[in-house]
């Protein structure tokens, strides 16, 4: 492993139409010599009981 950050983040959009437009226009876009991978956030799969639960999230895409 290189130790470099994956450089990921989450963006909240006001509605599904704007989220889909952003995904369609930015997925595969080259920035700084790297290709962006843009998609809708998915809930993490449960891998045992670690507590916590849902911490919100609103309109994340």
C-alpha atoms as a PDB file:
ATOM      1  CA  UNK A   1       0.000   0.000   0.000  1.00  0.00           C
ATOM      2  CA  UNK A   2       1.202   3.496  -0.794  1.00  0.00           C
ATOM      3  CA  UNK A   3      -0.148   5.155   2.336  1.00  0.00           C
ATOM      4  CA  UNK A   4      -1.844   7.798   0.174  1.00  0.00           C
ATOM      5  CA  UNK A   5      -5.322   8.923   1.152  1.00  0.00           C
ATOM      6  CA  UNK A   6      -8.206   7.592  -0.917  1.00  0.00           C
ATOM      7  CA  UNK A   7      -9.494  11.153  -0.913  1.00  0.00           C
ATOM      8  CA  UNK A   8     -13.186  10.432  -0.513  1.00  0.00           C
ATOM      9  CA  UNK A   9     -16.036  12.504   0.832  1.00  0.00           C
ATOM     10  CA  UNK A  10     -19.785  12.853   1.028  1.00  0.00           C
ATOM     11  CA  UNK A  11     -21.958  15.569  -0.487  1.00  0.00           C
ATOM     12  CA  UNK A  12     -25.553  16.282   0.474  1.00  0.00           C
ATOM     13  CA  UNK A  13     -27.793  17.326  -2.412  1.00  0.00           C
ATOM     14  CA  UNK A  14     -31.215  19.009  -2.160  1.00  0.00           C
ATOM     15  CA  UNK A  15     -32.977  16.350  -4.239  1.00  0.00           C
ATOM     16  CA  UNK A  16     -32.512  13.138  -6.218  1.00  0.00           C
ATOM     17  CA  UNK A  17     -32.591  14.867  -9.632  1.00  0.00           C
ATOM     18  CA  UNK A  18     -29.659  17.139  -8.766  1.00  0.00           C
ATOM     19  CA  UNK A  19     -27.778  14.240  -7.194  1.00  0.00           C
ATOM     20  CA  UNK A  20     -28.208  12.136 -10.337  1.00  0.00           C
ATOM     21  CA  UNK A  21     -27.103  15.053 -12.556  1.00  0.00           C
ATOM     22  CA  UNK A  22     -23.925  15.449 -10.466  1.00  0.00           C
ATOM     23  CA  UNK A  23     -23.220  11.714 -10.630  1.00  0.00           C
ATOM     24  CA  UNK A  24     -23.728  11.653 -14.409  1.00  0.00           C
ATOM     25  CA  UNK A  25     -21.502  14.661 -15.070  1.00  0.00           C
ATOM     26  CA  UNK A  26     -18.682  13.940 -12.597  1.00  0.00           C
ATOM     27  CA  UNK A  27     -18.290  10.152 -12.578  1.00  0.00           C
ATOM     28  CA  UNK A  28     -15.128   9.373 -14.536  1.00  0.00           C
ATOM     29  CA  UNK A  29     -14.019  13.039 -14.595  1.00  0.00           C
ATOM     30  CA  UNK A  30     -10.234  13.437 -14.425  1.00  0.00           C
ATOM     31  CA  UNK A  31      -8.918  15.700 -11.665  1.00  0.00           C
ATOM     32  CA  UNK A  32      -5.248  16.071 -10.862  1.00  0.00           C
ATOM     33  CA  UNK A  33      -4.419  13.059 -13.011  1.00  0.00           C
ATOM     34  CA  UNK A  34      -6.884  10.831 -11.146  1.00  0.00           C
ATOM     35  CA  UNK A  35     -10.290   9.651 -12.289  1.00  0.00           C
ATOM     36  CA  UNK A  36     -13.206  10.457  -9.969  1.00  0.00           C
ATOM     37  CA  UNK A  37     -15.602   7.721  -8.970  1.00  0.00           C
ATOM     38  CA  UNK A  38     -18.938   9.332  -8.072  1.00  0.00           C
ATOM     39  CA  UNK A  39     -21.935   7.300  -6.908  1.00  0.00           C
ATOM     40  CA  UNK A  40     -24.800   7.267  -4.441  1.00  0.00           C
ATOM     41  CA  UNK A  41     -23.821   6.449  -0.866  1.00  0.00           C
ATOM     42  CA  UNK A  42     -24.894   3.026   0.343  1.00  0.00           C
ATOM     43  CA  UNK A  43     -25.355   1.927   3.948  1.00  0.00           C
ATOM     44  CA  UNK A  44     -22.429  -0.042   5.342  1.00  0.00           C
ATOM     45  CA  UNK A  45     -22.995  -3.741   5.732  1.00  0.00           C
ATOM     46  CA  UNK A  46     -23.178  -4.882   9.325  1.00  0.00           C
ATOM     47  CA  UNK A  47     -20.064  -6.793  10.392  1.00  0.00           C
ATOM     48  CA  UNK A  48     -20.790  -7.643  13.982  1.00  0.00           C
ATOM     49  CA  UNK A  49     -22.117  -5.567  16.832  1.00  0.00           C
ATOM     50  CA  UNK A  50     -20.024  -2.448  17.383  1.00  0.00           C
ATOM     51  CA  UNK A  51     -22.748  -0.239  18.803  1.00  0.00           C
ATOM     52  CA  UNK A  52     -23.538   3.200  17.505  1.00  0.00           C
ATOM     53  CA  UNK A  53     -26.380   2.828  15.085  1.00  0.00           C
ATOM     54  CA  UNK A  54     -27.543   5.343  12.510  1.00  0.00           C
ATOM     55  CA  UNK A  55     -25.843   8.702  12.954  1.00  0.00           C
ATOM     56  CA  UNK A  56     -28.084  10.564  10.514  1.00  0.00           C
ATOM     57  CA  UNK A  57     -27.117  11.386   6.987  1.00  0.00           C
ATOM     58  CA  UNK A  58     -30.084  13.158   5.459  1.00  0.00           C
ATOM     59  CA  UNK A  59     -29.859  13.517   1.706  1.00  0.00           C
ATOM     60  CA  UNK A  60     -26.440  12.013   1.018  1.00  0.00           C
ATOM     61  CA  UNK A  61     -25.584  11.006  -2.517  1.00  0.00           C
END
